[in-house]
Amino acid sequence: MRSPYLPLLVNENWSMIKNPTKFKEFEKSFLKNKGNVTHEQALKLFTAMWAEAHTLGILPPKDPLEGIAVDIRIAKVLNSCLKNSSPE
């Protein structure tokens, strides 16, 4: 299974990944063992990613409600689909 994010991470013009082959091996191994992360490991990973995003200035967002109108419209459409497709 190939990650849809790989083309974004391994790009000739902009590459954060210095060793694409090693990254692909890691990705393959991670996907093979998918689901084998404990709650504690997942929490540590989330905390580390949150801290990194905070350091980069990505989180918290400057305007937390930015894009909320789109999210609400999508939620309404999805909810209407669920109501219309569920057996009664």
PDB file of N, CA and C in Angstrom:
ATOM      1  N   MET A   1       0.843  -1.180   0.000  1.00  0.00           N
ATOM      2  CA  MET A   1       0.000   0.000   0.000  1.00  0.00           C
ATOM      3  C   MET A   1       0.888   1.244   0.000  1.00  0.00           C
ATOM      4  N   ARG A   2       0.668   2.131  -0.934  1.00  0.00           N
ATOM      5  CA  ARG A   2       1.476   3.330  -1.057  1.00  0.00           C
ATOM      6  C   ARG A   2       0.749   4.516  -0.429  1.00  0.00           C
ATOM      7  N   SER A   3       1.482   5.306   0.302  1.00  0.00           N
ATOM      8  CA  SER A   3       0.897   6.461   0.960  1.00  0.00           C
ATOM      9  C   SER A   3       0.572   7.545  -0.058  1.00  0.00           C
ATOM     10  N   PRO A   4      -0.600   8.171   0.066  1.00  0.00           N
ATOM     11  CA  PRO A   4      -0.932   9.270  -0.843  1.00  0.00           C
ATOM     12  C   PRO A   4      -0.100  10.514  -0.572  1.00  0.00           C
ATOM     13  N   TYR A   5       0.602  10.553   0.572  1.00  0.00           N
ATOM     14  CA  TYR A   5       1.376  11.725   0.940  1.00  0.00           C
ATOM     15  C   TYR A   5       2.813  11.668   0.434  1.00  0.00           C
ATOM     16  N   LEU A   6       3.247  10.515  -0.036  1.00  0.00           N
ATOM     17  CA  LEU A   6       4.631  10.355  -0.452  1.00  0.00           C
ATOM     18  C   LEU A   6       5.040  11.344  -1.535  1.00  0.00           C
ATOM     19  N   PRO A   7       4.233  11.583  -2.579  1.00  0.00           N
ATOM     20  CA  PRO A   7       4.654  12.555  -3.584  1.00  0.00           C
ATOM     21  C   PRO A   7       4.841  13.957  -3.013  1.00  0.00           C
ATOM     22  N   LEU A   8       4.110  14.287  -1.948  1.00  0.00           N
ATOM     23  CA  LEU A   8       4.259  15.599  -1.348  1.00  0.00           C
ATOM     24  C   LEU A   8       5.548  15.711  -0.542  1.00  0.00           C
ATOM     25  N   LEU A   9       5.969  14.602   0.038  1.00  0.00           N
ATOM     26  CA  LEU A   9       7.150  14.625   0.892  1.00  0.00           C
ATOM     27  C   LEU A   9       8.451  14.436   0.121  1.00  0.00           C
ATOM     28  N   VAL A  10       8.389  13.689  -0.965  1.00  0.00           N
ATOM     29  CA  VAL A  10       9.592  13.429  -1.749  1.00  0.00           C
ATOM     30  C   VAL A  10       9.414  14.134  -3.086  1.00  0.00           C
ATOM     31  N   ASN A  11       9.957  15.310  -3.187  1.00  0.00           N
ATOM     32  CA  ASN A  11       9.815  16.132  -4.369  1.00  0.00           C
ATOM     33  C   ASN A  11      11.191  16.664  -4.735  1.00  0.00           C
ATOM     34  N   GLU A  12      11.481  16.714  -6.023  1.00  0.00           N
ATOM     35  CA  GLU A  12      12.799  17.162  -6.462  1.00  0.00           C
ATOM     36  C   GLU A  12      13.080  18.604  -6.066  1.00  0.00           C
ATOM     37  N   ASN A  13      12.057  19.447  -6.107  1.00  0.00           N
ATOM     38  CA  ASN A  13      12.245  20.869  -5.847  1.00  0.00           C
ATOM     39  C   ASN A  13      12.226  21.205  -4.356  1.00  0.00           C
ATOM     40  N   TRP A  14      11.490  20.429  -3.597  1.00  0.00           N
ATOM     41  CA  TRP A  14      11.339  20.712  -2.179  1.00  0.00           C
ATOM     42  C   TRP A  14      11.321  19.389  -1.445  1.00  0.00           C
ATOM     43  N   SER A  15      12.423  19.060  -0.815  1.00  0.00           N
ATOM     44  CA  SER A  15      12.494  17.761  -0.171  1.00  0.00           C
ATOM     45  C   SER A  15      12.987  17.889   1.254  1.00  0.00           C
ATOM     46  N   MET A  16      12.112  17.524   2.177  1.00  0.00           N
ATOM     47  CA  MET A  16      12.509  17.451   3.578  1.00  0.00           C
ATOM     48  C   MET A  16      13.204  16.127   3.837  1.00  0.00           C
ATOM     49  N   ILE A  17      12.971  15.159   2.979  1.00  0.00           N
ATOM     50  CA  ILE A  17      13.502  13.821   3.180  1.00  0.00           C
ATOM     51  C   ILE A  17      14.836  13.706   2.454  1.00  0.00           C
ATOM     52  N   LYS A  18      15.854  13.468   3.238  1.00  0.00           N
ATOM     53  CA  LYS A  18      17.200  13.397   2.670  1.00  0.00           C
ATOM     54  C   LYS A  18      17.496  12.045   2.044  1.00  0.00           C
ATOM     55  N   ASN A  19      16.826  10.996   2.530  1.00  0.00           N
ATOM     56  CA  ASN A  19      17.069   9.650   2.020  1.00  0.00           C
ATOM     57  C   ASN A  19      15.719   9.012   1.682  1.00  0.00           C
ATOM     58  N   PRO A  20      15.208   9.249   0.453  1.00  0.00           N
ATOM     59  CA  PRO A  20      13.893   8.723   0.082  1.00  0.00           C
ATOM     60  C   PRO A  20      13.786   7.206   0.174  1.00  0.00           C
ATOM     61  N   THR A  21      14.872   6.505  -0.110  1.00  0.00           N
ATOM     62  CA  THR A  21      14.836   5.042  -0.043  1.00  0.00           C
ATOM     63  C   THR A  21      14.584   4.584   1.388  1.00  0.00           C
ATOM     64  N   LYS A  22      15.276   5.192   2.324  1.00  0.00           N
ATOM     65  CA  LYS A  22      15.104   4.836   3.729  1.00  0.00           C
ATOM     66  C   LYS A  22      13.684   5.189   4.198  1.00  0.00           C
ATOM     67  N   PHE A  23      13.174   6.320   3.721  1.00  0.00           N
ATOM     68  CA  PHE A  23      11.818   6.713   4.075  1.00  0.00           C
ATOM     69  C   PHE A  23      10.806   5.700   3.538  1.00  0.00           C
ATOM     70  N   LYS A  24      11.001   5.253   2.306  1.00  0.00           N
ATOM     71  CA  LYS A  24      10.092   4.268   1.715  1.00  0.00           C
ATOM     72  C   LYS A  24      10.122   2.960   2.504  1.00  0.00           C
ATOM     73  N   GLU A  25      11.308   2.554   2.958  1.00  0.00           N
ATOM     74  CA  GLU A  25      11.431   1.339   3.774  1.00  0.00           C
ATOM     75  C   GLU A  25      10.677   1.517   5.096  1.00  0.00           C
ATOM     76  N   PHE A  26      10.854   2.698   5.710  1.00  0.00           N
ATOM     77  CA  PHE A  26      10.140   2.989   6.956  1.00  0.00           C
ATOM     78  C   PHE A  26       8.638   2.955   6.729  1.00  0.00           C
ATOM     79  N   GLU A  27       8.193   3.604   5.653  1.00  0.00           N
ATOM     80  CA  GLU A  27       6.766   3.667   5.356  1.00  0.00           C
ATOM     81  C   GLU A  27       6.192   2.266   5.134  1.00  0.00           C
ATOM     82  N   LYS A  28       6.915   1.447   4.385  1.00  0.00           N
ATOM     83  CA  LYS A  28       6.457   0.077   4.119  1.00  0.00           C
ATOM     84  C   LYS A  28       6.339  -0.708   5.424  1.00  0.00           C
ATOM     85  N   SER A  29       7.347  -0.576   6.272  1.00  0.00           N
ATOM     86  CA  SER A  29       7.341  -1.272   7.556  1.00  0.00           C
ATOM     87  C   SER A  29       6.195  -0.773   8.438  1.00  0.00           C
ATOM     88  N   PHE A  30       5.988   0.537   8.453  1.00  0.00           N
ATOM     89  CA  PHE A  30       4.933   1.124   9.277  1.00  0.00           C
ATOM     90  C   PHE A  30       3.562   0.646   8.809  1.00  0.00           C
ATOM     91  N   LEU A  31       3.336   0.654   7.494  1.00  0.00           N
ATOM     92  CA  LEU A  31       2.050   0.222   6.970  1.00  0.00           C
ATOM     93  C   LEU A  31       1.817  -1.268   7.204  1.00  0.00           C
ATOM     94  N   LYS A  32       2.897  -2.048   7.144  1.00  0.00           N
ATOM     95  CA  LYS A  32       2.796  -3.494   7.376  1.00  0.00           C
ATOM     96  C   LYS A  32       2.346  -3.764   8.814  1.00  0.00           C
ATOM     97  N   ASN A  33       2.835  -2.971   9.748  1.00  0.00           N
ATOM     98  CA  ASN A  33       2.523  -3.166  11.164  1.00  0.00           C
ATOM     99  C   ASN A  33       1.415  -2.235  11.648  1.00  0.00           C
ATOM    100  N   LYS A  34       0.668  -1.668  10.704  1.00  0.00           N
ATOM    101  CA  LYS A  34      -0.387  -0.704  11.033  1.00  0.00           C
ATOM    102  C   LYS A  34      -1.350  -1.304  12.059  1.00  0.00           C
ATOM    103  N   GLY A  35      -1.704  -0.486  13.029  1.00  0.00           N
ATOM    104  CA  GLY A  35      -2.638  -0.935  14.040  1.00  0.00           C
ATOM    105  C   GLY A  35      -1.956  -1.510  15.259  1.00  0.00           C
ATOM    106  N   ASN A  36      -0.653  -1.612  15.244  1.00  0.00           N
ATOM    107  CA  ASN A  36       0.067  -2.193  16.371  1.00  0.00           C
ATOM    108  C   ASN A  36       0.658  -1.124  17.288  1.00  0.00           C
ATOM    109  N   VAL A  37       0.073   0.056  17.293  1.00  0.00           N
ATOM    110  CA  VAL A  37       0.547   1.126  18.147  1.00  0.00           C
ATOM    111  C   VAL A  37      -0.318   1.143  19.401  1.00  0.00           C
ATOM    112  N   THR A  38       0.332   1.135  20.539  1.00  0.00           N
ATOM    113  CA  THR A  38      -0.418   1.184  21.794  1.00  0.00           C
ATOM    114  C   THR A  38      -0.969   2.589  22.004  1.00  0.00           C
ATOM    115  N   HIS A  39      -1.904   2.703  22.932  1.00  0.00           N
ATOM    116  CA  HIS A  39      -2.475   4.013  23.240  1.00  0.00           C
ATOM    117  C   HIS A  39      -1.383   4.957  23.729  1.00  0.00           C
ATOM    118  N   GLU A  40      -0.502   4.450  24.560  1.00  0.00           N
ATOM    119  CA  GLU A  40       0.584   5.272  25.101  1.00  0.00           C
ATOM    120  C   GLU A  40       1.503   5.765  23.979  1.00  0.00           C
ATOM    121  N   GLN A  41       1.834   4.885  23.019  1.00  0.00           N
ATOM    122  CA  GLN A  41       2.684   5.286  21.898  1.00  0.00           C
ATOM    123  C   GLN A  41       1.977   6.329  21.034  1.00  0.00           C
ATOM    124  N   ALA A  42       0.693   6.123  20.797  1.00  0.00           N
ATOM    125  CA  ALA A  42      -0.073   7.067  19.985  1.00  0.00           C
ATOM    126  C   ALA A  42      -0.138   8.434  20.665  1.00  0.00           C
ATOM    127  N   LEU A  43      -0.316   8.439  21.976  1.00  0.00           N
ATOM    128  CA  LEU A  43      -0.375   9.692  22.719  1.00  0.00           C
ATOM    129  C   LEU A  43       0.965  10.422  22.662  1.00  0.00           C
ATOM    130  N   LYS A  44       2.059   9.684  22.802  1.00  0.00           N
ATOM    131  CA  LYS A  44       3.387  10.295  22.707  1.00  0.00           C
ATOM    132  C   LYS A  44       3.624  10.866  21.308  1.00  0.00           C
ATOM    133  N   LEU A  45       3.218  10.123  20.297  1.00  0.00           N
ATOM    134  CA  LEU A  45       3.371  10.580  18.917  1.00  0.00           C
ATOM    135  C   LEU A  45       2.549  11.849  18.679  1.00  0.00           C
ATOM    136  N   PHE A  46       1.295  11.841  19.125  1.00  0.00           N
ATOM    137  CA  PHE A  46       0.436  13.014  18.964  1.00  0.00           C
ATOM    138  C   PHE A  46       1.032  14.221  19.680  1.00  0.00           C
ATOM    139  N   THR A  47       1.503  14.015  20.900  1.00  0.00           N
ATOM    140  CA  THR A  47       2.082  15.107  21.677  1.00  0.00           C
ATOM    141  C   THR A  47       3.305  15.684  20.987  1.00  0.00           C
ATOM    142  N   ALA A  48       4.149  14.812  20.454  1.00  0.00           N
ATOM    143  CA  ALA A  48       5.353  15.274  19.758  1.00  0.00           C
ATOM    144  C   ALA A  48       4.991  16.037  18.482  1.00  0.00           C
ATOM    145  N   MET A  49       4.003  15.542  17.731  1.00  0.00           N
ATOM    146  CA  MET A  49       3.588  16.237  16.507  1.00  0.00           C
ATOM    147  C   MET A  49       2.952  17.582  16.839  1.00  0.00           C
ATOM    148  N   TRP A  50       2.157  17.634  17.910  1.00  0.00           N
ATOM    149  CA  TRP A  50       1.543  18.897  18.317  1.00  0.00           C
ATOM    150  C   TRP A  50       2.625  19.908  18.691  1.00  0.00           C
ATOM    151  N   ALA A  51       3.622  19.456  19.457  1.00  0.00           N
ATOM    152  CA  ALA A  51       4.711  20.351  19.865  1.00  0.00           C
ATOM    153  C   ALA A  51       5.480  20.861  18.639  1.00  0.00           C
ATOM    154  N   GLU A  52       5.730  19.981  17.673  1.00  0.00           N
ATOM    155  CA  GLU A  52       6.428  20.379  16.448  1.00  0.00           C
ATOM    156  C   GLU A  52       5.614  21.407  15.677  1.00  0.00           C
ATOM    157  N   ALA A  53       4.318  21.181  15.539  1.00  0.00           N
ATOM    158  CA  ALA A  53       3.453  22.123  14.832  1.00  0.00           C
ATOM    159  C   ALA A  53       3.412  23.461  15.572  1.00  0.00           C
ATOM    160  N   HIS A  54       3.408  23.411  16.883  1.00  0.00           N
ATOM    161  CA  HIS A  54       3.409  24.642  17.678  1.00  0.00           C
ATOM    162  C   HIS A  54       4.718  25.396  17.476  1.00  0.00           C
ATOM    163  N   THR A  55       5.835  24.683  17.460  1.00  0.00           N
ATOM    164  CA  THR A  55       7.141  25.293  17.240  1.00  0.00           C
ATOM    165  C   THR A  55       7.224  25.949  15.862  1.00  0.00           C
ATOM    166  N   LEU A  56       6.619  25.298  14.861  1.00  0.00           N
ATOM    167  CA  LEU A  56       6.632  25.832  13.503  1.00  0.00           C
ATOM    168  C   LEU A  56       5.620  26.962  13.307  1.00  0.00           C
ATOM    169  N   GLY A  57       4.772  27.191  14.298  1.00  0.00           N
ATOM    170  CA  GLY A  57       3.784  28.256  14.211  1.00  0.00           C
ATOM    171  C   GLY A  57       2.518  27.866  13.461  1.00  0.00           C
ATOM    172  N   ILE A  58       2.329  26.577  13.227  1.00  0.00           N
ATOM    173  CA  ILE A  58       1.154  26.098  12.506  1.00  0.00           C
ATOM    174  C   ILE A  58      -0.037  25.967  13.455  1.00  0.00           C
ATOM    175  N   LEU A  59       0.222  25.530  14.667  1.00  0.00           N
ATOM    176  CA  LEU A  59      -0.816  25.381  15.686  1.00  0.00           C
ATOM    177  C   LEU A  59      -0.475  26.254  16.872  1.00  0.00           C
ATOM    178  N   PRO A  60      -1.400  26.773  17.557  1.00  0.00           N
ATOM    179  CA  PRO A  60      -2.820  26.823  17.245  1.00  0.00           C
ATOM    180  C   PRO A  60      -3.073  27.795  16.099  1.00  0.00           C
ATOM    181  N   PRO A  61      -4.161  27.587  15.375  1.00  0.00           N
ATOM    182  CA  PRO A  61      -4.443  28.479  14.254  1.00  0.00           C
ATOM    183  C   PRO A  61      -4.723  29.906  14.738  1.00  0.00           C
ATOM    184  N   LYS A  62      -4.354  30.874  13.908  1.00  0.00           N
ATOM    185  CA  LYS A  62      -4.596  32.269  14.279  1.00  0.00           C
ATOM    186  C   LYS A  62      -6.092  32.541  14.420  1.00  0.00           C
ATOM    187  N   ASP A  63      -6.881  31.960  13.535  1.00  0.00           N
ATOM    188  CA  ASP A  63      -8.337  32.108  13.596  1.00  0.00           C
ATOM    189  C   ASP A  63      -8.939  30.704  13.649  1.00  0.00           C
ATOM    190  N   PRO A  64      -9.277  30.207  14.841  1.00  0.00           N
ATOM    191  CA  PRO A  64      -9.771  28.840  14.969  1.00  0.00           C
ATOM    192  C   PRO A  64     -11.070  28.563  14.212  1.00  0.00           C
ATOM    193  N   LEU A  65     -11.832  29.612  13.898  1.00  0.00           N
ATOM    194  CA  LEU A  65     -13.091  29.417  13.191  1.00  0.00           C
ATOM    195  C   LEU A  65     -12.953  29.547  11.677  1.00  0.00           C
ATOM    196  N   GLU A  66     -11.733  29.771  11.200  1.00  0.00           N
ATOM    197  CA  GLU A  66     -11.523  29.883   9.760  1.00  0.00           C
ATOM    198  C   GLU A  66     -11.925  28.570   9.073  1.00  0.00           C
ATOM    199  N   GLY A  67     -12.764  28.666   8.078  1.00  0.00           N
ATOM    200  CA  GLY A  67     -13.202  27.494   7.335  1.00  0.00           C
ATOM    201  C   GLY A  67     -14.347  26.734   7.975  1.00  0.00           C
ATOM    202  N   ILE A  68     -14.894  27.254   9.065  1.00  0.00           N
ATOM    203  CA  ILE A  68     -15.958  26.533   9.767  1.00  0.00           C
ATOM    204  C   ILE A  68     -17.216  26.418   8.920  1.00  0.00           C
ATOM    205  N   ALA A  69     -17.488  27.422   8.088  1.00  0.00           N
ATOM    206  CA  ALA A  69     -18.686  27.386   7.243  1.00  0.00           C
ATOM    207  C   ALA A  69     -18.637  26.189   6.293  1.00  0.00           C
ATOM    208  N   VAL A  70     -17.461  25.924   5.731  1.00  0.00           N
ATOM    209  CA  VAL A  70     -17.303  24.777   4.832  1.00  0.00           C
ATOM    210  C   VAL A  70     -17.505  23.478   5.606  1.00  0.00           C
ATOM    211  N   ASP A  71     -16.924  23.401   6.799  1.00  0.00           N
ATOM    212  CA  ASP A  71     -17.077  22.195   7.619  1.00  0.00           C
ATOM    213  C   ASP A  71     -18.542  21.936   7.956  1.00  0.00           C
ATOM    214  N   ILE A  72     -19.274  22.999   8.259  1.00  0.00           N
ATOM    215  CA  ILE A  72     -20.695  22.849   8.596  1.00  0.00           C
ATOM    216  C   ILE A  72     -21.482  22.370   7.386  1.00  0.00           C
ATOM    217  N   ARG A  73     -21.188  22.927   6.208  1.00  0.00           N
ATOM    218  CA  ARG A  73     -21.890  22.488   4.996  1.00  0.00           C
ATOM    219  C   ARG A  73     -21.605  21.020   4.706  1.00  0.00           C
ATOM    220  N   ILE A  74     -20.362  20.603   4.837  1.00  0.00           N
ATOM    221  CA  ILE A  74     -19.999  19.201   4.598  1.00  0.00           C
ATOM    222  C   ILE A  74     -20.717  18.296   5.597  1.00  0.00           C
ATOM    223  N   ALA A  75     -20.744  18.705   6.864  1.00  0.00           N
ATOM    224  CA  ALA A  75     -21.417  17.910   7.893  1.00  0.00           C
ATOM    225  C   ALA A  75     -22.905  17.765   7.587  1.00  0.00           C
ATOM    226  N   LYS A  76     -23.534  18.844   7.121  1.00  0.00           N
ATOM    227  CA  LYS A  76     -24.962  18.782   6.786  1.00  0.00           C
ATOM    228  C   LYS A  76     -25.207  17.803   5.646  1.00  0.00           C
ATOM    229  N   VAL A  77     -24.355  17.845   4.629  1.00  0.00           N
ATOM    230  CA  VAL A  77     -24.510  16.933   3.491  1.00  0.00           C
ATOM    231  C   VAL A  77     -24.322  15.490   3.947  1.00  0.00           C
ATOM    232  N   LEU A  78     -23.268  15.232   4.717  1.00  0.00           N
ATOM    233  CA  LEU A  78     -23.011  13.867   5.188  1.00  0.00           C
ATOM    234  C   LEU A  78     -24.138  13.368   6.089  1.00  0.00           C
ATOM    235  N   ASN A  79     -24.619  14.222   6.970  1.00  0.00           N
ATOM    236  CA  ASN A  79     -25.721  13.814   7.847  1.00  0.00           C
ATOM    237  C   ASN A  79     -26.991  13.529   7.059  1.00  0.00           C
ATOM    238  N   SER A  80     -27.262  14.330   6.023  1.00  0.00           N
ATOM    239  CA  SER A  80     -28.462  14.073   5.215  1.00  0.00           C
ATOM    240  C   SER A  80     -28.317  12.762   4.449  1.00  0.00           C
ATOM    241  N   CYS A  81     -27.098  12.456   4.015  1.00  0.00           N
ATOM    242  CA  CYS A  81     -26.868  11.178   3.329  1.00  0.00           C
ATOM    243  C   CYS A  81     -27.095  10.009   4.278  1.00  0.00           C
ATOM    244  N   LEU A  82     -26.636  10.146   5.507  1.00  0.00           N
ATOM    245  CA  LEU A  82     -26.825   9.067   6.488  1.00  0.00           C
ATOM    246  C   LEU A  82     -28.300   8.859   6.786  1.00  0.00           C
ATOM    247  N   LYS A  83     -29.050   9.944   6.934  1.00  0.00           N
ATOM    248  CA  LYS A  83     -30.478   9.832   7.236  1.00  0.00           C
ATOM    249  C   LYS A  83     -31.226   9.212   6.070  1.00  0.00           C
ATOM    250  N   ASN A  84     -30.840   9.569   4.847  1.00  0.00           N
ATOM    251  CA  ASN A  84     -31.538   9.064   3.668  1.00  0.00           C
ATOM    252  C   ASN A  84     -31.180   7.625   3.317  1.00  0.00           C
ATOM    253  N   SER A  85     -30.011   7.177   3.736  1.00  0.00           N
ATOM    254  CA  SER A  85     -29.584   5.836   3.346  1.00  0.00           C
ATOM    255  C   SER A  85     -29.789   4.790   4.443  1.00  0.00           C
ATOM    256  N   SER A  86     -30.091   5.192   5.664  1.00  0.00           N
ATOM    257  CA  SER A  86     -30.246   4.222   6.739  1.00  0.00           C
ATOM    258  C   SER A  86     -31.605   3.528   6.634  1.00  0.00           C
ATOM    259  N   PRO A  87     -31.604   2.193   6.856  1.00  0.00           N
ATOM    260  CA  PRO A  87     -32.876   1.461   6.797  1.00  0.00           C
ATOM    261  C   PRO A  87     -33.742   1.840   8.006  1.00  0.00           C
ATOM    262  N   GLU A  88     -35.025   1.907   7.761  1.00  0.00           N
ATOM    263  CA  GLU A  88     -35.953   2.290   8.850  1.00  0.00           C
ATOM    264  C   GLU A  88     -36.725   1.124   9.354  1.00  0.00           C
TER     265      GLU A  88
END
